[in-house]
Amino acid sequence: VSTQSTGSSGINAEYGKQWYQRRVRGDAHLCDRETGCTFGCESDFCWSQCDGACPRLDLIGCHGCKEWCWLSGNGEKYHFCTENSQCAAVKRNSCASTCTL
C-alpha cells in the first residue's frame, strides 16, 4: 500500500485504508446506481470507489474492488464537502489521487 501524500492537505493512502472497510461496503455512504461505485464525503473531501489494479471486464464502473480515490473538483484539485450528498455532483469526476487499497 502506498503512503504517498496526495496534496498539501495531508490526505494519504494509509489514512484511507483505515476507514475504507466501513465505507466502500455502502455503510453510511452513497452508491452510483449506473456505475456501481460507492462514493461519499470523508475528512472534508469527496472520494469514490475505483478499479486500479483490480481485474475488470470493461472500463465502465466498479467491479467490487476494494480500492478508492479522492475525486477531483470542478476547477479545483479536490472537491470540498461536509456531507455525502455534496459529492453527487462530482461522483463521476476523475481521480485526483491514486486509486489505492
Foldseek 3Di string as FASTA:
>chain_A
DDQDALDPVRDGDVVCVVCLVCFFVPNQFDADVVQRKTWFDDPFFIKIQADDPDDDDDRGHDDPDSWMAFFQDDVGLTHGDDTGVSCPVGHPGDGSDDTGD
